[in-house]
């Protein structure tokens, strides 16, 4: 049983993040054990076909060596995300710059459970030289296995974050933790779960990052190690609505298309999860200008709402809009 102890300052430093690095690494476990991840079968079929590419297999061999024959992800391979909406390049740079002590400590812990692979032994001997090789292996799998599907994966994760932040504002931190995952329990000033590493982790005022995951089956704690400045611990938890991830979202009902027009209906259907104008244009094949015009009409009709995060404006179906979409489906 593991516990994460919160102080007063930690309550104020709760944050959310989305980690493309974590999703990329976790996706390999899904491919390795499809039976436990039936919800992802449409994607798994595509990923298994990619695994037949010998050139790709060669480029990703270091990554497979670290995901482990026992299905465990080496702890240093997924350092805590440092910002809410990190880009893959940022996270790979952080991976390549990990302190040698952290890497060796992670491999030493892994070696107590299973024998280290040849690549892991090379990595333990010279982390500074071998880590960039590992980062390139992660990048190779990301580019073909995850990035083509990232807009829809990220949309599901962003929808989860939007739900949790609204819950935090309305009901408080206790309710957020109470509904993250059945395996997690909030007990006064601590988060308790059998999924967390055994022992007690005191946050010491730095707070914690919560990261939803499309590929996680249980909760994981990514704890920053000595030398990883600016990386508070991160609790990864299974995202809401993963069952909708691989639904065909380009199809709209004839009734909705007749009511709104087919192009506008497509934009509306894709706005069932938070999306920017750019992402909606990519998903529908429409121009940015056309998407903006359709969104303006939908917003004026009360069918979509918008909210700004940093430099991006996210559009999502309103309660009225969702009711209409559910009826149309």
Protein backbone atom coordinates (compact mmCIF):
# COMPACT_ATOMS: atom_id res chain seq x y z
CA UNK A 1 0.00 0.00 0.00
CA UNK A 2 1.40 3.39 -1.02
CA UNK A 3 0.56 6.82 0.37
CA UNK A 4 1.13 10.35 -0.93
CA UNK A 5 1.07 12.87 1.93
CA UNK A 6 -0.26 16.39 1.19
CA UNK A 7 0.55 19.58 3.07
CA UNK A 8 -1.34 22.87 2.82
CA UNK A 9 0.88 24.21 0.04
CA UNK A 10 0.48 20.97 -1.91
CA UNK A 11 -3.28 21.48 -2.04
CA UNK A 12 -2.68 24.78 -3.81
CA UNK A 13 -0.16 23.25 -6.22
CA UNK A 14 -2.37 20.60 -7.77
CA UNK A 15 -2.02 20.67 -11.55
CA UNK A 16 -2.97 18.59 -14.59
CA UNK A 17 -0.83 17.55 -17.54
CA UNK A 18 -0.90 15.47 -20.70
CA UNK A 19 2.24 13.48 -21.50
CA UNK A 20 2.80 12.22 -25.06
CA UNK A 21 5.94 10.43 -23.81
CA UNK A 22 3.96 8.42 -21.25
CA UNK A 23 1.27 7.54 -23.82
CA UNK A 24 3.90 6.44 -26.35
CA UNK A 25 5.66 4.13 -23.91
CA UNK A 26 2.42 2.78 -22.42
CA UNK A 27 1.06 2.03 -25.91
CA UNK A 28 3.74 -0.65 -26.35
CA UNK A 29 2.33 -2.60 -23.40
CA UNK A 30 -1.07 -2.48 -25.08
CA UNK A 31 0.38 -4.02 -28.24
CA UNK A 32 2.19 -6.68 -26.19
CA UNK A 33 -0.98 -7.76 -24.37
CA UNK A 34 -4.04 -7.06 -26.58
CA UNK A 35 -6.31 -9.30 -24.51
CA UNK A 36 -6.22 -6.87 -21.58
CA UNK A 37 -6.90 -3.86 -23.79
CA UNK A 38 -9.86 -4.87 -25.93
CA UNK A 39 -11.09 -1.28 -26.09
CA UNK A 40 -8.04 -0.44 -28.22
CA UNK A 41 -8.40 -3.29 -30.75
CA UNK A 42 -8.99 -0.96 -33.76
CA UNK A 43 -5.67 0.73 -33.01
CA UNK A 44 -3.91 -2.49 -32.01
CA UNK A 45 -4.56 -3.99 -35.45
CA UNK A 46 -2.75 -1.06 -37.05
CA UNK A 47 0.07 -1.19 -34.50
CA UNK A 48 0.64 -4.93 -34.98
CA UNK A 49 0.98 -4.37 -38.71
CA UNK A 50 3.65 -1.77 -38.00
CA UNK A 51 5.54 -4.28 -35.86
CA UNK A 52 6.09 -6.35 -39.00
CA UNK A 53 8.28 -3.60 -40.43
CA UNK A 54 11.83 -4.85 -39.82
CA UNK A 55 13.39 -1.43 -40.27
CA UNK A 56 11.06 0.04 -37.65
CA UNK A 57 11.70 -2.90 -35.32
CA UNK A 58 15.42 -2.22 -35.58
CA UNK A 59 15.00 1.46 -34.73
CA UNK A 60 12.76 0.74 -31.73
CA UNK A 61 14.73 -2.17 -30.24
CA UNK A 62 16.12 -0.04 -27.35
CA UNK A 63 12.61 0.98 -26.37
CA UNK A 64 11.33 -2.60 -26.35
CA UNK A 65 14.28 -3.57 -24.17
CA UNK A 66 13.19 -1.07 -21.54
CA UNK A 67 9.45 -1.75 -21.52
CA UNK A 68 10.43 -5.13 -20.16
CA UNK A 69 9.46 -8.74 -20.64
CA UNK A 70 7.45 -8.52 -17.42
CA UNK A 71 5.37 -5.64 -18.80
CA UNK A 72 6.82 -3.10 -16.38
CA UNK A 73 7.96 0.29 -17.61
CA UNK A 74 11.35 1.31 -16.27
CA UNK A 75 10.71 4.21 -13.94
CA UNK A 76 13.28 6.60 -15.41
CA UNK A 77 11.87 6.12 -18.93
CA UNK A 78 8.84 8.26 -18.12
CA UNK A 79 9.95 11.23 -15.96
CA UNK A 80 7.14 13.43 -14.62
CA UNK A 81 5.88 15.95 -17.20
CA UNK A 82 7.08 19.49 -16.53
CA UNK A 83 4.26 21.48 -18.13
CA UNK A 84 0.53 20.93 -18.77
CA UNK A 85 0.66 20.52 -22.56
CA UNK A 86 4.18 19.30 -23.25
CA UNK A 87 5.28 18.57 -26.80
CA UNK A 88 6.97 15.28 -27.55
CA UNK A 89 10.24 17.00 -28.45
CA UNK A 90 10.37 18.67 -25.01
CA UNK A 91 9.82 15.40 -23.18
CA UNK A 92 12.40 13.56 -25.28
CA UNK A 93 14.94 16.28 -24.52
CA UNK A 94 14.23 15.81 -20.81
CA UNK A 95 14.63 12.04 -21.22
CA UNK A 96 17.97 12.40 -23.00
CA UNK A 97 19.22 14.76 -20.25
CA UNK A 98 18.33 12.54 -17.28
CA UNK A 99 21.04 12.36 -14.60
CA UNK A 100 23.18 9.24 -14.79
CA UNK A 101 22.45 8.51 -11.13
CA UNK A 102 18.69 8.35 -11.79
CA UNK A 103 19.15 6.00 -14.72
CA UNK A 104 21.46 3.66 -12.83
CA UNK A 105 19.16 3.65 -9.80
CA UNK A 106 16.20 2.72 -11.99
CA UNK A 107 18.10 -0.07 -13.69
CA UNK A 108 19.39 -1.37 -10.38
CA UNK A 109 15.81 -1.60 -9.08
CA UNK A 110 14.66 -3.31 -12.28
CA UNK A 111 17.54 -5.78 -12.07
CA UNK A 112 16.26 -7.03 -8.73
CA UNK A 113 13.07 -8.22 -10.45
CA UNK A 114 14.32 -9.43 -13.83
CA UNK A 115 17.68 -9.82 -15.54
CA UNK A 116 18.76 -6.72 -17.44
CA UNK A 117 18.86 -6.86 -21.24
CA UNK A 118 22.02 -6.18 -23.18
CA UNK A 119 20.84 -2.67 -24.01
CA UNK A 120 20.09 -1.98 -20.35
CA UNK A 121 23.58 -3.07 -19.38
CA UNK A 122 25.05 -0.68 -21.97
CA UNK A 123 22.81 2.07 -20.66
CA UNK A 124 23.95 1.48 -17.07
CA UNK A 125 27.59 1.67 -18.13
CA UNK A 126 27.30 4.96 -20.03
CA UNK A 127 23.92 6.72 -19.67
CA UNK A 128 25.11 9.98 -21.23
CA UNK A 129 26.06 8.26 -24.49
CA UNK A 130 23.20 5.76 -24.71
CA UNK A 131 20.23 7.91 -23.59
CA UNK A 132 20.05 9.83 -26.93
CA UNK A 133 19.85 6.45 -28.67
CA UNK A 134 16.90 5.59 -26.47
CA UNK A 135 15.22 8.94 -27.20
CA UNK A 136 15.52 8.25 -30.93
CA UNK A 137 13.89 4.84 -30.45
CA UNK A 138 10.96 6.44 -28.62
CA UNK A 139 10.68 9.06 -31.37
CA UNK A 140 10.59 6.36 -34.06
CA UNK A 141 7.61 4.60 -32.45
CA UNK A 142 5.85 7.89 -31.69
CA UNK A 143 6.06 9.02 -35.32
CA UNK A 144 4.33 5.96 -36.79
CA UNK A 145 2.44 4.34 -33.90
CA UNK A 146 1.02 7.24 -31.91
CA UNK A 147 1.37 10.63 -33.63
CA UNK A 148 -1.09 9.83 -36.47
CA UNK A 149 -3.75 9.20 -33.79
CA UNK A 150 -2.61 11.86 -31.34
CA UNK A 151 -5.31 14.48 -32.12
CA UNK A 152 -8.10 12.11 -31.07
CA UNK A 153 -6.12 10.70 -28.11
CA UNK A 154 -5.31 14.18 -26.90
CA UNK A 155 -8.96 15.26 -27.33
CA UNK A 156 -10.09 12.50 -24.96
CA UNK A 157 -7.41 13.42 -22.43
CA UNK A 158 -8.25 17.14 -22.66
CA UNK A 159 -11.92 16.32 -22.09
CA UNK A 160 -10.94 14.43 -18.94
CA UNK A 161 -8.87 17.36 -17.68
CA UNK A 162 -11.74 19.76 -18.39
CA UNK A 163 -14.08 17.55 -16.38
CA UNK A 164 -11.67 17.27 -13.42
CA UNK A 165 -10.89 20.99 -13.29
CA UNK A 166 -14.60 21.81 -13.32
CA UNK A 167 -15.09 19.26 -10.53
CA UNK A 168 -12.21 20.84 -8.59
CA UNK A 169 -13.79 24.28 -8.88
CA UNK A 170 -17.26 23.10 -7.89
CA UNK A 171 -16.62 20.37 -5.30
CA UNK A 172 -13.01 20.62 -4.11
CA UNK A 173 -9.93 18.45 -4.13
CA UNK A 174 -11.50 15.66 -2.09
CA UNK A 175 -14.09 14.97 -4.76
CA UNK A 176 -11.47 15.02 -7.51
CA UNK A 177 -9.40 12.33 -5.79
CA UNK A 178 -12.50 10.36 -4.79
CA UNK A 179 -13.47 9.93 -8.44
CA UNK A 180 -10.11 9.57 -10.18
CA UNK A 181 -10.05 5.77 -9.97
CA UNK A 182 -11.65 3.08 -7.76
CA UNK A 183 -8.19 2.01 -6.55
CA UNK A 184 -7.46 5.48 -5.14
CA UNK A 185 -8.75 6.67 -1.77
CA UNK A 186 -8.53 10.15 -0.26
CA UNK A 187 -8.03 9.97 3.51
CA UNK A 188 -7.91 13.39 5.09
CA UNK A 189 -4.48 14.59 3.99
CA UNK A 190 -3.21 11.68 1.93
CA UNK A 191 -3.85 9.73 -1.24
CA UNK A 192 -3.80 5.97 -0.63
CA UNK A 193 -3.74 3.11 -3.13
CA UNK A 194 -2.39 -0.40 -3.60
CA UNK A 195 -1.39 0.76 -7.10
CA UNK A 196 1.13 3.24 -5.68
CA UNK A 197 4.67 2.23 -4.65
CA UNK A 198 4.85 0.89 -1.09
CA UNK A 199 5.68 3.51 1.52
CA UNK A 200 4.90 7.16 2.12
CA UNK A 201 5.85 10.01 -0.20
CA UNK A 202 5.65 13.51 1.32
CA UNK A 203 5.18 16.20 -1.33
CA UNK A 204 6.89 18.90 0.78
CA UNK A 205 5.01 21.84 -0.73
CA UNK A 206 5.75 21.20 -4.39
CA UNK A 207 2.34 19.74 -5.11
CA UNK A 208 1.55 16.98 -7.56
CA UNK A 209 0.65 16.64 -11.23
CA UNK A 210 -2.32 14.52 -12.31
CA UNK A 211 -2.10 13.06 -15.82
CA UNK A 212 -4.93 11.14 -17.50
CA UNK A 213 -3.87 8.28 -19.77
CA UNK A 214 -5.67 6.55 -22.60
CA UNK A 215 -3.47 3.45 -22.31
CA UNK A 216 -3.24 2.98 -18.53
CA UNK A 217 -5.26 0.26 -16.78
CA UNK A 218 -4.30 1.33 -13.27
CA UNK A 219 -2.69 4.25 -11.46
CA UNK A 220 1.06 4.93 -11.63
CA UNK A 221 3.24 7.31 -9.65
CA UNK A 222 6.05 9.02 -11.53
CA UNK A 223 8.32 10.42 -8.84
CA UNK A 224 10.99 12.93 -9.74
CA UNK A 225 14.46 11.85 -8.72
CA UNK A 226 17.38 13.83 -7.44
CA UNK A 227 18.64 16.13 -10.15
CA UNK A 228 15.32 16.42 -11.96
CA UNK A 229 14.66 20.07 -11.20
CA UNK A 230 11.15 21.37 -11.80
CA UNK A 231 9.51 17.96 -12.01
CA UNK A 232 7.12 17.36 -9.09
CA UNK A 233 5.69 13.84 -8.74
CA UNK A 234 2.98 12.86 -11.18
CA UNK A 235 0.08 10.46 -10.66
CA UNK A 236 -1.06 8.86 -13.92
CA UNK A 237 -4.62 7.55 -13.91
CA UNK A 238 -6.92 5.95 -16.54
CA UNK A 239 -8.82 8.62 -18.45
CA UNK A 240 -12.58 8.87 -18.70
CA UNK A 241 -14.37 8.03 -21.97
CA UNK A 242 -11.58 5.87 -23.43
CA UNK A 243 -14.34 3.68 -24.86
CA UNK A 244 -15.16 6.50 -27.30
CA UNK A 245 -11.57 6.85 -28.52
CA UNK A 246 -11.77 4.71 -31.64
CA UNK A 247 -15.39 5.45 -32.58
CA UNK A 248 -15.94 6.65 -36.12
CA UNK A 249 -16.39 10.36 -35.57
CA UNK A 250 -16.59 11.47 -39.16
CA UNK A 251 -20.00 9.92 -39.70
CA UNK A 252 -23.00 12.13 -38.97
CA UNK A 253 -26.65 11.18 -39.08
CA UNK A 254 -28.66 12.16 -42.13
CA UNK A 255 -31.11 14.03 -39.94
CA UNK A 256 -28.36 16.15 -38.39
CA UNK A 257 -26.79 16.75 -41.81
CA UNK A 258 -30.14 17.93 -43.22
CA UNK A 259 -30.64 20.23 -40.23
CA UNK A 260 -27.18 21.82 -40.14
CA UNK A 261 -25.62 20.99 -43.48
CA UNK A 262 -23.13 18.16 -43.81
CA UNK A 263 -19.95 20.21 -43.24
CA UNK A 264 -21.33 22.01 -40.21
CA UNK A 265 -22.65 18.71 -38.83
CA UNK A 266 -19.16 17.20 -39.15
CA UNK A 267 -17.61 20.08 -37.22
CA UNK A 268 -20.32 19.76 -34.60
CA UNK A 269 -19.81 15.99 -34.23
CA UNK A 270 -16.07 16.39 -33.74
CA UNK A 271 -16.67 19.05 -31.08
CA UNK A 272 -18.07 16.36 -28.80
CA UNK A 273 -14.65 16.60 -27.12
CA UNK A 274 -12.62 19.83 -26.65
CA UNK A 275 -10.88 20.77 -29.90
CA UNK A 276 -9.19 23.80 -31.39
CA UNK A 277 -10.05 25.25 -34.79
CA UNK A 278 -6.83 23.79 -36.18
CA UNK A 279 -7.63 20.27 -34.97
CA UNK A 280 -11.18 20.46 -36.24
CA UNK A 281 -9.88 21.52 -39.65
CA UNK A 282 -7.47 18.57 -39.69
CA UNK A 283 -10.20 16.09 -38.74
CA UNK A 284 -12.83 17.34 -41.16
CA UNK A 285 -10.66 18.34 -44.10
CA UNK A 286 -12.25 21.81 -44.14
CA UNK A 287 -10.33 25.08 -44.26
CA UNK A 288 -9.63 27.04 -41.08
CA UNK A 289 -11.90 29.80 -42.30
CA UNK A 290 -14.79 27.43 -42.95
CA UNK A 291 -14.41 25.78 -39.54
CA UNK A 292 -14.36 29.18 -37.83
CA UNK A 293 -17.57 30.20 -39.59
CA UNK A 294 -19.33 26.96 -38.65
CA UNK A 295 -18.20 27.28 -35.03
CA UNK A 296 -19.49 30.85 -34.85
CA UNK A 297 -22.94 29.70 -35.99
CA UNK A 298 -22.94 26.72 -33.61
CA UNK A 299 -21.86 28.92 -30.71
CA UNK A 300 -24.53 31.54 -31.45
CA UNK A 301 -27.10 28.73 -31.44
CA UNK A 302 -25.91 27.55 -28.03
CA UNK A 303 -24.69 24.19 -29.38
CA UNK A 304 -20.98 24.69 -28.60
CA UNK A 305 -19.07 26.66 -25.98
CA UNK A 306 -15.51 27.96 -26.02
CA UNK A 307 -12.79 28.55 -23.45
CA UNK A 308 -9.28 29.90 -23.79
CA UNK A 309 -6.21 28.09 -22.45
CA UNK A 310 -3.00 30.07 -22.93
CA UNK A 311 -2.86 30.79 -26.66
CA UNK A 312 -5.47 28.24 -27.71
CA UNK A 313 -9.26 28.43 -27.81
CA UNK A 314 -10.99 25.10 -27.24
CA UNK A 315 -14.49 24.42 -28.51
CA UNK A 316 -16.75 21.72 -27.12
CA UNK A 317 -20.41 20.78 -27.39
CA UNK A 318 -22.67 22.35 -24.75
CA UNK A 319 -25.18 20.32 -22.74
CA UNK A 320 -27.78 21.17 -25.36
CA UNK A 321 -25.37 20.19 -28.12
CA UNK A 322 -24.53 16.86 -26.49
CA UNK A 323 -28.23 16.10 -26.11
CA UNK A 324 -28.70 16.76 -29.84
CA UNK A 325 -25.69 14.59 -30.76
CA UNK A 326 -26.91 11.74 -28.58
CA UNK A 327 -30.31 11.94 -30.25
CA UNK A 328 -28.75 11.97 -33.71
CA UNK A 329 -26.60 8.94 -32.95
